[in-house]
Structures are given as C-alpha cells and as structure tokens.
Amino acid sequence: QVKAENIIKNLFESYANEPAMLPTQYQKIINLRGIQRTVCDYIAGMTDRFAIEEHQRLFDPFFKP
C-alpha cells in the first residue's frame, strides 16, 4: 500500500509542478477547475497498470516502454 501511495504522490507532484505533461484536454480545463483538481481527476481516471507505467516512464531512467 505504501508503494501505491508513493506512486500517486509522485505522479500528482510531477503533474502539478509541470502541467504541460498532462494531456491537452486536461491542460485546457486547468483555468476552470484549478491545477490540483485537474491533476486529481486525471490520476483518478488512470488504471493501475497505466499509473505504474507512467510512474516508471517519469522516474525510472532504465524503463523502456
């Protein structure tokens, strides 16, 4: 469970600090909903597998999709 929490926390912080990493449709709603709500909605819509792969892509220098 701690590992999952760390993945979500790391993803949230990365997207919140660099909104350009979000898909275009989410970037467009940041001004309406705010960055935190937008990032939460994006992460909430991820499957477990996608969240893990996205975390690996962002934080594991040896990850090859």
N, C-alpha and C. Protein backbone atom coordinates (compact mmCIF):
# COMPACT_ATOMS: atom_id res chain seq x y z
N GLN A 1 0.82 -1.19 0.00
CA GLN A 1 0.00 0.00 0.00
C GLN A 1 0.87 1.26 0.00
N VAL A 2 1.96 1.23 0.72
CA VAL A 2 2.84 2.39 0.75
C VAL A 2 3.40 2.68 -0.65
N LYS A 3 3.71 1.63 -1.39
CA LYS A 3 4.24 1.80 -2.74
C LYS A 3 3.22 2.51 -3.63
N ALA A 4 1.96 2.09 -3.54
CA ALA A 4 0.90 2.71 -4.34
C ALA A 4 0.73 4.19 -3.96
N GLU A 5 0.80 4.48 -2.67
CA GLU A 5 0.69 5.86 -2.23
C GLU A 5 1.83 6.71 -2.78
N ASN A 6 3.02 6.15 -2.79
CA ASN A 6 4.17 6.88 -3.32
C ASN A 6 4.03 7.13 -4.82
N ILE A 7 3.52 6.15 -5.54
CA ILE A 7 3.32 6.32 -6.98
C ILE A 7 2.35 7.47 -7.24
N ILE A 8 1.23 7.46 -6.54
CA ILE A 8 0.22 8.50 -6.74
C ILE A 8 0.76 9.87 -6.32
N LYS A 9 1.45 9.91 -5.19
CA LYS A 9 2.02 11.17 -4.72
C LYS A 9 3.03 11.71 -5.72
N ASN A 10 3.91 10.86 -6.21
CA ASN A 10 4.91 11.30 -7.18
C ASN A 10 4.27 11.79 -8.47
N LEU A 11 3.27 11.07 -8.95
CA LEU A 11 2.57 11.50 -10.16
C LEU A 11 1.90 12.85 -9.95
N PHE A 12 1.20 12.98 -8.82
CA PHE A 12 0.50 14.23 -8.53
C PHE A 12 1.48 15.40 -8.51
N GLU A 13 2.57 15.25 -7.78
CA GLU A 13 3.53 16.34 -7.68
C GLU A 13 4.15 16.68 -9.03
N SER A 14 4.42 15.67 -9.83
CA SER A 14 5.02 15.91 -11.14
C SER A 14 4.08 16.67 -12.05
N TYR A 15 2.83 16.23 -12.12
CA TYR A 15 1.86 16.91 -12.99
C TYR A 15 1.52 18.30 -12.47
N ALA A 16 1.41 18.45 -11.17
CA ALA A 16 1.07 19.76 -10.60
C ALA A 16 2.21 20.77 -10.83
N ASN A 17 3.42 20.29 -10.77
CA ASN A 17 4.58 21.18 -10.98
C ASN A 17 4.88 21.42 -12.45
N GLU A 18 4.43 20.52 -13.31
CA GLU A 18 4.69 20.64 -14.74
C GLU A 18 3.43 20.26 -15.52
N PRO A 19 2.42 21.15 -15.52
CA PRO A 19 1.14 20.84 -16.17
C PRO A 19 1.24 20.52 -17.66
N ALA A 20 2.33 20.91 -18.30
CA ALA A 20 2.50 20.61 -19.72
C ALA A 20 2.61 19.11 -19.96
N MET A 21 2.87 18.32 -18.92
CA MET A 21 2.93 16.87 -19.06
C MET A 21 1.55 16.24 -19.15
N LEU A 22 0.53 16.98 -18.78
CA LEU A 22 -0.84 16.47 -18.86
C LEU A 22 -1.31 16.43 -20.31
N PRO A 23 -2.22 15.52 -20.61
CA PRO A 23 -2.82 15.54 -21.96
C PRO A 23 -3.49 16.88 -22.24
N THR A 24 -3.56 17.23 -23.49
CA THR A 24 -4.10 18.54 -23.90
C THR A 24 -5.48 18.82 -23.34
N GLN A 25 -6.36 17.83 -23.35
CA GLN A 25 -7.73 18.08 -22.87
C GLN A 25 -7.75 18.44 -21.39
N TYR A 26 -6.79 17.96 -20.62
CA TYR A 26 -6.71 18.33 -19.21
C TYR A 26 -6.05 19.70 -19.04
N GLN A 27 -5.09 20.01 -19.86
CA GLN A 27 -4.46 21.32 -19.79
C GLN A 27 -5.49 22.42 -20.02
N LYS A 28 -6.44 22.15 -20.88
CA LYS A 28 -7.45 23.15 -21.23
C LYS A 28 -8.40 23.48 -20.08
N ILE A 29 -8.55 22.58 -19.12
CA ILE A 29 -9.51 22.82 -18.03
C ILE A 29 -8.85 23.29 -16.73
N ILE A 30 -7.55 23.47 -16.76
CA ILE A 30 -6.85 23.93 -15.55
C ILE A 30 -7.40 25.27 -15.08
N ASN A 31 -7.65 26.20 -15.99
CA ASN A 31 -8.16 27.52 -15.58
C ASN A 31 -9.57 27.45 -15.00
N LEU A 32 -10.34 26.46 -15.40
CA LEU A 32 -11.70 26.32 -14.89
C LEU A 32 -11.74 25.62 -13.53
N ARG A 33 -10.94 24.58 -13.37
CA ARG A 33 -11.01 23.74 -12.18
C ARG A 33 -9.84 23.90 -11.23
N GLY A 34 -8.77 24.48 -11.68
CA GLY A 34 -7.57 24.59 -10.87
C GLY A 34 -6.65 23.40 -11.13
N ILE A 35 -5.39 23.59 -10.86
CA ILE A 35 -4.41 22.56 -11.18
C ILE A 35 -4.59 21.32 -10.31
N GLN A 36 -4.85 21.50 -9.02
CA GLN A 36 -4.97 20.34 -8.14
C GLN A 36 -6.15 19.45 -8.50
N ARG A 37 -7.31 20.06 -8.75
CA ARG A 37 -8.49 19.27 -9.12
C ARG A 37 -8.28 18.58 -10.46
N THR A 38 -7.67 19.28 -11.40
CA THR A 38 -7.42 18.72 -12.72
C THR A 38 -6.49 17.52 -12.64
N VAL A 39 -5.42 17.66 -11.88
CA VAL A 39 -4.47 16.55 -11.72
C VAL A 39 -5.14 15.38 -11.01
N CYS A 40 -5.91 15.67 -9.97
CA CYS A 40 -6.63 14.59 -9.27
C CYS A 40 -7.56 13.84 -10.21
N ASP A 41 -8.30 14.57 -11.03
CA ASP A 41 -9.22 13.93 -11.98
C ASP A 41 -8.46 13.06 -12.98
N TYR A 42 -7.33 13.55 -13.45
CA TYR A 42 -6.54 12.78 -14.41
C TYR A 42 -6.02 11.50 -13.78
N ILE A 43 -5.46 11.61 -12.60
CA ILE A 43 -4.92 10.42 -11.93
C ILE A 43 -6.04 9.45 -11.56
N ALA A 44 -7.18 9.97 -11.13
CA ALA A 44 -8.31 9.10 -10.76
C ALA A 44 -8.79 8.28 -11.95
N GLY A 45 -8.62 8.79 -13.15
CA GLY A 45 -9.06 8.08 -14.33
C GLY A 45 -8.06 7.04 -14.85
N MET A 46 -6.90 6.99 -14.23
CA MET A 46 -5.87 6.04 -14.68
C MET A 46 -6.18 4.62 -14.17
N THR A 47 -5.85 3.65 -14.99
CA THR A 47 -5.87 2.27 -14.49
C THR A 47 -4.61 2.08 -13.65
N ASP A 48 -4.61 1.04 -12.84
CA ASP A 48 -3.42 0.76 -12.04
C ASP A 48 -2.21 0.55 -12.93
N ARG A 49 -2.39 -0.21 -13.98
CA ARG A 49 -1.29 -0.52 -14.88
C ARG A 49 -0.73 0.74 -15.53
N PHE A 50 -1.62 1.62 -15.99
CA PHE A 50 -1.17 2.85 -16.62
C PHE A 50 -0.42 3.73 -15.63
N ALA A 51 -0.93 3.84 -14.39
CA ALA A 51 -0.27 4.65 -13.38
C ALA A 51 1.13 4.13 -13.09
N ILE A 52 1.27 2.82 -12.99
CA ILE A 52 2.59 2.22 -12.74
C ILE A 52 3.52 2.49 -13.91
N GLU A 53 3.04 2.31 -15.13
CA GLU A 53 3.87 2.55 -16.31
C GLU A 53 4.25 4.02 -16.44
N GLU A 54 3.31 4.90 -16.14
CA GLU A 54 3.59 6.34 -16.21
C GLU A 54 4.64 6.71 -15.16
N HIS A 55 4.52 6.15 -13.99
CA HIS A 55 5.50 6.40 -12.93
C HIS A 55 6.88 5.90 -13.37
N GLN A 56 6.93 4.72 -13.94
CA GLN A 56 8.20 4.19 -14.43
C GLN A 56 8.78 5.09 -15.51
N ARG A 57 7.93 5.54 -16.42
CA ARG A 57 8.38 6.41 -17.51
C ARG A 57 8.99 7.70 -16.97
N LEU A 58 8.38 8.24 -15.94
CA LEU A 58 8.84 9.51 -15.40
C LEU A 58 10.03 9.38 -14.44
N PHE A 59 10.11 8.28 -13.71
CA PHE A 59 11.09 8.19 -12.63
C PHE A 59 12.14 7.10 -12.77
N ASP A 60 11.98 6.17 -13.71
CA ASP A 60 12.94 5.09 -13.88
C ASP A 60 13.74 5.34 -15.14
N PRO A 61 15.01 5.73 -15.02
CA PRO A 61 15.81 6.03 -16.22
C PRO A 61 16.06 4.82 -17.12
N PHE A 62 15.82 3.63 -16.61
CA PHE A 62 16.06 2.42 -17.39
C PHE A 62 14.78 1.84 -17.99
N PHE A 63 13.65 2.49 -17.76
CA PHE A 63 12.36 1.99 -18.27
C PHE A 63 12.30 2.18 -19.78
N LYS A 64 11.91 1.10 -20.46
CA LYS A 64 11.72 1.14 -21.91
C LYS A 64 10.33 0.61 -22.21
N PRO A 65 9.46 1.49 -22.70
CA PRO A 65 8.07 1.05 -22.98
C PRO A 65 7.99 0.02 -24.08
